[in-house]
N, C-alpha and C. Protein backbone atom coordinates (compact mmCIF):
# COMPACT_ATOMS: atom_id res chain seq x y z
N MET A 1 197.23 24.68 100.47
CA MET A 1 197.75 25.31 99.27
C MET A 1 196.70 25.36 98.15
N GLU A 2 195.86 24.37 98.04
CA GLU A 2 194.82 24.37 97.00
C GLU A 2 193.85 25.54 97.16
N LYS A 3 193.69 26.02 98.39
CA LYS A 3 192.77 27.13 98.63
C LYS A 3 193.16 28.36 97.80
N ASN A 4 194.44 28.56 97.54
CA ASN A 4 194.89 29.70 96.74
C ASN A 4 194.51 29.57 95.28
N ARG A 5 194.02 28.42 94.86
CA ARG A 5 193.63 28.21 93.46
C ARG A 5 192.11 28.27 93.28
N ASP A 6 191.39 28.58 94.34
CA ASP A 6 189.94 28.69 94.23
C ASP A 6 189.56 29.83 93.28
N GLU A 7 188.45 29.65 92.59
CA GLU A 7 187.95 30.70 91.71
C GLU A 7 187.49 31.88 92.54
N LEU A 8 187.72 33.08 92.04
CA LEU A 8 187.30 34.31 92.70
C LEU A 8 186.18 34.96 91.90
N THR A 9 185.33 35.68 92.59
CA THR A 9 184.25 36.39 91.92
C THR A 9 184.25 37.84 92.39
N TYR A 10 184.17 38.76 91.43
CA TYR A 10 184.07 40.18 91.74
C TYR A 10 182.81 40.73 91.10
N ARG A 11 182.25 41.75 91.71
CA ARG A 11 181.09 42.44 91.14
C ARG A 11 181.52 43.83 90.70
N PRO A 12 181.11 44.26 89.54
CA PRO A 12 181.45 45.62 89.10
C PRO A 12 180.85 46.65 90.04
N ILE A 13 181.58 47.75 90.23
CA ILE A 13 181.07 48.87 91.03
C ILE A 13 180.58 50.00 90.13
N GLY A 14 180.74 49.81 88.82
CA GLY A 14 180.32 50.82 87.87
C GLY A 14 180.68 50.42 86.46
N VAL A 15 180.60 51.38 85.56
CA VAL A 15 180.93 51.14 84.15
C VAL A 15 181.68 52.36 83.61
N ILE A 16 182.59 52.12 82.68
CA ILE A 16 183.40 53.18 82.09
C ILE A 16 182.85 53.48 80.70
N HIS A 17 182.56 54.75 80.45
CA HIS A 17 182.03 55.19 79.15
C HIS A 17 183.10 56.00 78.41
N THR A 18 183.39 55.61 77.18
CA THR A 18 184.34 56.34 76.35
C THR A 18 183.83 56.35 74.91
N GLY A 19 184.54 57.01 74.05
CA GLY A 19 184.18 57.02 72.63
C GLY A 19 184.81 55.89 71.84
N PHE A 20 185.52 54.98 72.51
CA PHE A 20 186.22 53.90 71.82
C PHE A 20 185.38 52.63 71.82
N ARG A 21 184.99 52.16 70.63
CA ARG A 21 184.13 50.98 70.54
C ARG A 21 184.91 49.67 70.48
N ASP A 22 186.18 49.74 70.06
CA ASP A 22 187.00 48.53 70.01
C ASP A 22 188.47 48.91 70.15
N LYS A 23 189.34 47.89 70.22
CA LYS A 23 190.76 48.16 70.48
C LYS A 23 191.42 48.95 69.36
N ALA A 24 190.92 48.85 68.12
CA ALA A 24 191.51 49.59 67.01
C ALA A 24 191.33 51.11 67.19
N GLU A 25 190.29 51.52 67.89
CA GLU A 25 190.02 52.94 68.11
C GLU A 25 190.73 53.49 69.34
N ALA A 26 191.01 52.64 70.31
CA ALA A 26 191.56 53.09 71.59
C ALA A 26 193.05 53.37 71.50
N PRO A 27 193.52 54.41 72.19
CA PRO A 27 194.96 54.67 72.25
C PRO A 27 195.68 53.49 72.92
N ILE A 28 196.95 53.31 72.58
CA ILE A 28 197.69 52.17 73.12
C ILE A 28 197.93 52.31 74.63
N GLN A 29 198.08 53.53 75.13
CA GLN A 29 198.23 53.81 76.55
C GLN A 29 197.65 55.19 76.82
N GLY A 30 197.09 55.38 78.00
CA GLY A 30 196.48 56.65 78.36
C GLY A 30 197.43 57.84 78.34
N VAL A 31 198.69 57.61 78.64
CA VAL A 31 199.67 58.70 78.67
C VAL A 31 199.81 59.36 77.29
N PHE A 32 199.47 58.63 76.22
CA PHE A 32 199.53 59.16 74.86
C PHE A 32 198.18 59.71 74.41
N ALA A 33 197.19 59.72 75.28
CA ALA A 33 195.81 60.06 74.90
C ALA A 33 195.35 61.35 75.57
N LYS A 34 196.13 62.41 75.42
CA LYS A 34 195.83 63.66 76.13
C LYS A 34 194.42 64.20 75.85
N GLY A 35 193.92 64.06 74.64
CA GLY A 35 192.60 64.60 74.31
C GLY A 35 191.45 63.63 74.51
N ALA A 36 191.77 62.39 74.85
CA ALA A 36 190.72 61.37 74.98
C ALA A 36 189.97 61.54 76.30
N LYS A 37 188.66 61.67 76.20
CA LYS A 37 187.83 61.89 77.39
C LYS A 37 186.87 60.73 77.60
N GLY A 38 186.38 60.63 78.82
CA GLY A 38 185.42 59.60 79.15
C GLY A 38 184.71 59.93 80.45
N GLU A 39 183.87 59.01 80.86
CA GLU A 39 183.12 59.18 82.10
C GLU A 39 183.06 57.85 82.84
N VAL A 40 183.29 57.92 84.12
CA VAL A 40 183.15 56.75 84.98
C VAL A 40 181.82 56.90 85.70
N GLU A 41 180.95 55.93 85.52
CA GLU A 41 179.67 55.92 86.22
C GLU A 41 179.77 54.90 87.35
N VAL A 42 179.76 55.38 88.58
CA VAL A 42 179.80 54.50 89.75
C VAL A 42 178.35 54.20 90.12
N PHE A 43 178.04 52.93 90.31
CA PHE A 43 176.67 52.57 90.66
C PHE A 43 176.28 53.25 91.98
N PRO A 44 175.01 53.69 92.10
CA PRO A 44 174.57 54.47 93.26
C PRO A 44 174.92 53.85 94.62
N GLU A 45 174.87 52.55 94.72
CA GLU A 45 175.16 51.92 96.03
C GLU A 45 176.63 52.05 96.45
N TYR A 46 177.50 52.49 95.52
CA TYR A 46 178.92 52.67 95.84
C TYR A 46 179.33 54.15 95.82
N ALA A 47 178.40 55.05 95.54
CA ALA A 47 178.71 56.47 95.36
C ALA A 47 179.34 57.11 96.60
N ASP A 48 178.97 56.68 97.79
CA ASP A 48 179.57 57.25 99.01
C ASP A 48 181.08 57.03 99.05
N GLY A 49 181.56 56.02 98.36
CA GLY A 49 182.99 55.74 98.33
C GLY A 49 183.79 56.79 97.57
N LEU A 50 183.11 57.68 96.85
CA LEU A 50 183.79 58.74 96.10
C LEU A 50 184.12 59.96 96.96
N ARG A 51 183.71 59.96 98.20
CA ARG A 51 183.96 61.09 99.09
C ARG A 51 185.45 61.43 99.11
N ASP A 52 185.78 62.69 98.92
CA ASP A 52 187.13 63.26 98.96
C ASP A 52 188.00 62.93 97.75
N ILE A 53 187.46 62.26 96.75
CA ILE A 53 188.27 61.91 95.57
C ILE A 53 188.58 63.13 94.70
N GLU A 54 187.78 64.18 94.81
CA GLU A 54 187.97 65.36 93.95
C GLU A 54 189.30 66.07 94.19
N GLY A 55 189.98 65.79 95.28
CA GLY A 55 191.27 66.42 95.56
C GLY A 55 192.44 65.79 94.82
N PHE A 56 192.21 64.71 94.10
CA PHE A 56 193.27 64.02 93.38
C PHE A 56 193.23 64.40 91.90
N SER A 57 194.39 64.62 91.31
CA SER A 57 194.45 64.97 89.89
C SER A 57 194.31 63.74 89.01
N HIS A 58 194.73 62.58 89.50
CA HIS A 58 194.68 61.33 88.74
C HIS A 58 194.15 60.20 89.62
N VAL A 59 193.49 59.26 88.98
CA VAL A 59 193.03 58.06 89.68
C VAL A 59 193.42 56.83 88.87
N ILE A 60 193.50 55.71 89.56
CA ILE A 60 193.80 54.43 88.93
C ILE A 60 192.48 53.68 88.79
N LEU A 61 192.13 53.32 87.57
CA LEU A 61 190.92 52.54 87.33
C LEU A 61 191.31 51.09 87.10
N ILE A 62 190.66 50.20 87.81
CA ILE A 62 190.86 48.76 87.64
C ILE A 62 189.55 48.23 87.06
N TYR A 63 189.66 47.55 85.93
CA TYR A 63 188.45 47.18 85.19
C TYR A 63 188.64 45.85 84.49
N HIS A 64 187.55 45.33 83.97
CA HIS A 64 187.54 44.06 83.25
C HIS A 64 187.64 44.34 81.75
N PHE A 65 188.57 43.65 81.06
CA PHE A 65 188.66 43.75 79.60
C PHE A 65 187.49 42.94 79.02
N HIS A 66 186.35 43.55 78.91
CA HIS A 66 185.11 42.86 78.54
C HIS A 66 185.08 42.33 77.11
N LEU A 67 185.96 42.80 76.24
CA LEU A 67 185.97 42.30 74.86
C LEU A 67 187.07 41.27 74.61
N ALA A 68 187.85 40.97 75.62
CA ALA A 68 188.92 39.97 75.46
C ALA A 68 188.30 38.58 75.40
N ASP A 69 188.79 37.78 74.46
CA ASP A 69 188.32 36.40 74.37
C ASP A 69 189.55 35.49 74.32
N GLY A 70 189.72 34.71 75.35
CA GLY A 70 190.86 33.82 75.43
C GLY A 70 192.14 34.56 75.78
N TYR A 71 193.24 33.82 75.83
CA TYR A 71 194.52 34.43 76.14
C TYR A 71 195.65 33.58 75.59
N SER A 72 196.82 34.17 75.55
CA SER A 72 198.03 33.48 75.14
C SER A 72 199.12 33.89 76.12
N LEU A 73 199.89 32.93 76.60
CA LEU A 73 200.95 33.25 77.57
C LEU A 73 202.16 33.91 76.91
N VAL A 74 202.29 33.77 75.60
CA VAL A 74 203.36 34.40 74.84
C VAL A 74 202.73 35.10 73.65
N SER A 75 203.13 36.34 73.40
CA SER A 75 202.50 37.10 72.33
C SER A 75 203.47 38.12 71.75
N MET A 76 203.12 38.65 70.58
CA MET A 76 203.92 39.67 69.92
C MET A 76 203.29 41.03 70.19
N PRO A 77 203.95 41.88 70.96
CA PRO A 77 203.38 43.19 71.28
C PRO A 77 203.45 44.17 70.11
N PHE A 78 202.67 45.23 70.22
CA PHE A 78 202.65 46.33 69.27
C PHE A 78 204.06 46.88 69.09
N LEU A 79 204.46 47.13 67.86
CA LEU A 79 205.76 47.70 67.49
C LEU A 79 206.94 46.80 67.82
N GLU A 80 206.73 45.51 67.96
CA GLU A 80 207.81 44.57 68.26
C GLU A 80 207.82 43.47 67.22
N ASP A 81 208.98 42.88 67.00
CA ASP A 81 209.07 41.74 66.08
C ASP A 81 209.52 40.49 66.83
N GLU A 82 209.39 40.54 68.14
CA GLU A 82 209.79 39.43 68.99
C GLU A 82 208.68 39.15 70.00
N GLN A 83 208.46 37.88 70.28
CA GLN A 83 207.43 37.53 71.26
C GLN A 83 207.95 37.71 72.68
N HIS A 84 207.00 38.00 73.58
CA HIS A 84 207.32 38.18 75.00
C HIS A 84 206.24 37.50 75.83
N GLY A 85 206.57 37.19 77.07
CA GLY A 85 205.58 36.60 77.97
C GLY A 85 204.52 37.62 78.34
N ILE A 86 203.29 37.16 78.49
CA ILE A 86 202.16 38.05 78.75
C ILE A 86 202.35 38.88 80.02
N PHE A 87 203.08 38.33 81.01
CA PHE A 87 203.26 39.06 82.26
C PHE A 87 204.35 40.13 82.16
N SER A 88 205.03 40.21 81.01
CA SER A 88 206.02 41.27 80.78
C SER A 88 205.47 42.31 79.81
N MET A 89 204.17 42.30 79.60
CA MET A 89 203.54 43.26 78.69
C MET A 89 202.14 43.61 79.18
N ARG A 90 201.51 44.56 78.51
CA ARG A 90 200.20 45.04 78.95
C ARG A 90 199.07 44.64 78.01
N HIS A 91 199.26 43.56 77.31
CA HIS A 91 198.25 43.07 76.37
C HIS A 91 196.96 42.71 77.11
N PHE A 92 195.82 42.89 76.45
CA PHE A 92 194.53 42.64 77.09
C PHE A 92 194.13 41.16 77.14
N LYS A 93 194.72 40.32 76.32
CA LYS A 93 194.38 38.89 76.34
C LYS A 93 195.24 38.19 77.38
N ARG A 94 194.71 38.11 78.61
CA ARG A 94 195.43 37.61 79.77
C ARG A 94 194.61 36.52 80.44
N PRO A 95 195.25 35.67 81.27
CA PRO A 95 194.49 34.64 81.99
C PRO A 95 193.34 35.25 82.81
N ASN A 96 193.58 36.39 83.43
CA ASN A 96 192.54 37.15 84.12
C ASN A 96 192.51 38.52 83.43
N PRO A 97 191.55 38.77 82.55
CA PRO A 97 191.56 39.98 81.74
C PRO A 97 191.20 41.24 82.54
N ILE A 98 192.15 41.66 83.37
CA ILE A 98 191.98 42.83 84.23
C ILE A 98 192.84 43.96 83.69
N GLY A 99 192.24 45.13 83.52
CA GLY A 99 192.96 46.30 83.05
C GLY A 99 193.21 47.27 84.18
N LEU A 100 194.26 48.05 84.02
CA LEU A 100 194.62 49.08 84.99
C LEU A 100 195.05 50.30 84.20
N SER A 101 194.38 51.42 84.41
CA SER A 101 194.72 52.65 83.70
C SER A 101 194.78 53.81 84.68
N ILE A 102 195.79 54.65 84.50
CA ILE A 102 195.88 55.89 85.26
C ILE A 102 195.27 56.97 84.38
N VAL A 103 194.25 57.63 84.87
CA VAL A 103 193.55 58.67 84.11
C VAL A 103 193.54 59.97 84.89
N ARG A 104 193.38 61.07 84.16
CA ARG A 104 193.27 62.38 84.82
C ARG A 104 191.82 62.56 85.26
N LEU A 105 191.63 62.96 86.51
CA LEU A 105 190.31 63.24 87.04
C LEU A 105 190.00 64.71 86.79
N GLU A 106 189.03 64.97 85.93
CA GLU A 106 188.68 66.35 85.56
C GLU A 106 187.63 66.94 86.49
N LYS A 107 186.60 66.15 86.81
CA LYS A 107 185.47 66.67 87.59
C LYS A 107 184.68 65.53 88.21
N VAL A 108 184.11 65.81 89.38
CA VAL A 108 183.23 64.85 90.04
C VAL A 108 181.83 65.45 90.06
N LYS A 109 180.85 64.69 89.55
CA LYS A 109 179.44 65.12 89.54
C LYS A 109 178.61 63.99 90.12
N GLY A 110 178.34 64.04 91.41
CA GLY A 110 177.57 62.98 92.05
C GLY A 110 178.29 61.65 91.96
N ASN A 111 177.67 60.69 91.29
CA ASN A 111 178.27 59.35 91.16
C ASN A 111 179.04 59.20 89.85
N LYS A 112 179.35 60.33 89.19
CA LYS A 112 180.06 60.27 87.91
C LYS A 112 181.37 61.05 87.98
N LEU A 113 182.38 60.48 87.35
CA LEU A 113 183.69 61.12 87.26
C LEU A 113 183.96 61.45 85.81
N GLU A 114 184.24 62.70 85.51
CA GLU A 114 184.69 63.07 84.17
C GLU A 114 186.19 62.87 84.15
N ILE A 115 186.68 62.12 83.14
CA ILE A 115 188.10 61.77 83.08
C ILE A 115 188.68 62.10 81.71
N SER A 116 190.00 62.22 81.65
CA SER A 116 190.70 62.38 80.38
C SER A 116 191.96 61.52 80.42
N GLU A 117 192.69 61.53 79.29
CA GLU A 117 193.87 60.67 79.13
C GLU A 117 193.46 59.20 79.28
N VAL A 118 192.33 58.86 78.67
CA VAL A 118 191.73 57.54 78.82
C VAL A 118 192.02 56.66 77.61
N ASP A 119 192.29 55.38 77.87
CA ASP A 119 192.61 54.41 76.82
C ASP A 119 191.73 53.16 76.93
N ILE A 120 190.54 53.31 77.47
CA ILE A 120 189.67 52.19 77.82
C ILE A 120 188.52 52.09 76.81
N ILE A 121 188.16 50.88 76.45
CA ILE A 121 187.06 50.66 75.51
C ILE A 121 185.73 50.86 76.23
N ASP A 122 184.79 51.50 75.54
CA ASP A 122 183.48 51.81 76.09
C ASP A 122 182.78 50.58 76.65
N GLY A 123 182.17 50.76 77.82
CA GLY A 123 181.38 49.70 78.43
C GLY A 123 182.16 48.79 79.36
N ALA A 124 183.43 49.09 79.60
CA ALA A 124 184.23 48.23 80.47
C ALA A 124 183.68 48.26 81.89
N PRO A 125 183.43 47.08 82.48
CA PRO A 125 182.97 47.03 83.86
C PRO A 125 184.07 47.49 84.82
N LEU A 126 183.74 48.43 85.69
CA LEU A 126 184.68 48.98 86.66
C LEU A 126 184.73 48.10 87.90
N LEU A 127 185.93 47.69 88.29
CA LEU A 127 186.11 46.85 89.47
C LEU A 127 186.53 47.65 90.69
N ASP A 128 187.32 48.71 90.49
CA ASP A 128 187.81 49.49 91.63
C ASP A 128 188.39 50.81 91.14
N ILE A 129 188.48 51.76 92.06
CA ILE A 129 189.12 53.06 91.83
C ILE A 129 190.07 53.29 92.99
N LYS A 130 191.27 53.73 92.66
CA LYS A 130 192.25 54.07 93.70
C LYS A 130 192.85 55.42 93.34
N PRO A 131 193.18 56.24 94.34
CA PRO A 131 193.83 57.51 94.02
C PRO A 131 195.27 57.26 93.58
N PHE A 132 195.72 58.03 92.60
CA PHE A 132 197.14 57.99 92.23
C PHE A 132 197.86 58.98 93.13
N VAL A 133 198.83 58.48 93.88
CA VAL A 133 199.59 59.30 94.83
C VAL A 133 201.06 59.25 94.42
N PRO A 134 201.59 60.31 93.80
CA PRO A 134 202.97 60.26 93.32
C PRO A 134 203.97 59.79 94.37
N ARG A 135 203.80 60.23 95.59
CA ARG A 135 204.72 59.83 96.67
C ARG A 135 204.75 58.32 96.87
N PHE A 136 203.63 57.66 96.65
CA PHE A 136 203.55 56.20 96.84
C PHE A 136 203.74 55.43 95.53
N ASP A 137 203.29 56.01 94.42
CA ASP A 137 203.20 55.25 93.17
C ASP A 137 204.38 55.42 92.22
N ASN A 138 205.15 56.50 92.34
CA ASN A 138 206.32 56.69 91.48
C ASN A 138 207.51 55.91 92.04
N ARG A 139 208.29 55.33 91.16
CA ARG A 139 209.50 54.60 91.54
C ARG A 139 210.65 55.13 90.69
N ALA A 140 211.52 55.95 91.27
CA ALA A 140 212.60 56.59 90.53
C ALA A 140 213.55 55.59 89.88
N ALA A 141 213.80 54.46 90.51
CA ALA A 141 214.77 53.49 90.00
C ALA A 141 214.13 52.38 89.16
N ALA A 142 212.87 52.55 88.79
CA ALA A 142 212.16 51.50 88.04
C ALA A 142 212.81 51.28 86.67
N LYS A 143 212.83 50.03 86.23
CA LYS A 143 213.35 49.67 84.91
C LYS A 143 212.19 49.19 84.04
N SER A 144 212.34 49.33 82.73
CA SER A 144 211.27 48.99 81.80
C SER A 144 211.54 47.75 80.96
N GLY A 145 212.50 46.92 81.36
CA GLY A 145 212.76 45.66 80.67
C GLY A 145 212.91 45.84 79.17
N TRP A 146 212.29 44.95 78.40
CA TRP A 146 212.39 44.99 76.94
C TRP A 146 211.78 46.26 76.35
N LEU A 147 210.92 46.96 77.10
CA LEU A 147 210.32 48.20 76.62
C LEU A 147 211.30 49.37 76.61
N SER A 148 212.51 49.17 77.13
CA SER A 148 213.53 50.23 77.13
C SER A 148 214.20 50.39 75.77
N ASN A 149 213.91 49.50 74.82
CA ASN A 149 214.52 49.57 73.50
C ASN A 149 214.20 50.91 72.83
N PRO A 150 215.22 51.63 72.33
CA PRO A 150 214.99 52.95 71.73
C PRO A 150 214.04 52.94 70.54
N HIS A 151 213.98 51.83 69.77
CA HIS A 151 213.10 51.81 68.59
C HIS A 151 211.62 51.75 68.95
N LEU A 152 211.31 51.62 70.24
CA LEU A 152 209.90 51.58 70.65
C LEU A 152 209.35 52.95 70.99
N ASP A 153 210.16 54.01 70.80
CA ASP A 153 209.65 55.36 71.05
C ASP A 153 208.45 55.62 70.15
N MET A 154 207.41 56.22 70.72
CA MET A 154 206.20 56.49 69.96
C MET A 154 205.85 57.97 70.04
N VAL A 155 205.20 58.45 69.01
CA VAL A 155 204.68 59.81 69.03
C VAL A 155 203.19 59.75 68.77
N LYS A 156 202.49 60.72 69.27
CA LYS A 156 201.04 60.74 69.13
C LYS A 156 200.65 61.20 67.74
N GLY A 157 199.78 60.46 67.10
CA GLY A 157 199.24 60.85 65.80
C GLY A 157 198.09 61.81 65.99
N GLU A 158 197.69 62.49 64.95
CA GLU A 158 196.61 63.46 65.06
C GLU A 158 195.29 62.82 65.46
N SER A 159 195.09 61.56 65.12
CA SER A 159 193.83 60.90 65.43
C SER A 159 193.82 60.31 66.84
N GLY A 160 194.93 60.46 67.58
CA GLY A 160 195.01 59.84 68.89
C GLY A 160 195.61 58.45 68.81
N LYS A 161 195.85 57.96 67.60
CA LYS A 161 196.50 56.66 67.41
C LYS A 161 198.01 56.88 67.51
N HIS A 162 198.75 55.83 67.57
CA HIS A 162 200.19 55.95 67.73
C HIS A 162 200.92 55.24 66.62
N ARG A 163 202.05 55.81 66.27
CA ARG A 163 202.85 55.23 65.21
C ARG A 163 204.31 55.32 65.61
N PRO A 164 205.17 54.48 65.04
CA PRO A 164 206.59 54.59 65.37
C PRO A 164 207.14 55.91 64.86
N GLU A 165 208.11 56.43 65.54
CA GLU A 165 208.71 57.70 65.16
C GLU A 165 209.50 57.58 63.88
């Protein structure tokens, strides 16, 4: 059983480039960031893994929250006045600061992917890319827990930031 508690090590396969320098500039979620663009640079030794990816409209990027320092198991999320457990929210300060974003794949140029609908801070180390497949990834009966509260509805601001309706 102790073997499951061993430390793990991952190596980045690339880096994500965006116009967002810190969390204050980044959209709260990619789905609200229609105009936000970026580029995924896959390191040359992993470029062959991009074969056939151009046929997908969206990809899932798994990356390291490189600006996160420390974590809290209970926190107050954006637009909430109540604390929630870290595993019931998408906050970046986590025991393992791993991010997951679904982005639109605009174009593939060699070892680079042009993306949009991005909510990632510039320079994030890329850990993996997976295709988004609606048939596999959508769940019609999924529930959103505390995020189902009607007062959490958000609208996109002109700057790409979000504010309560």
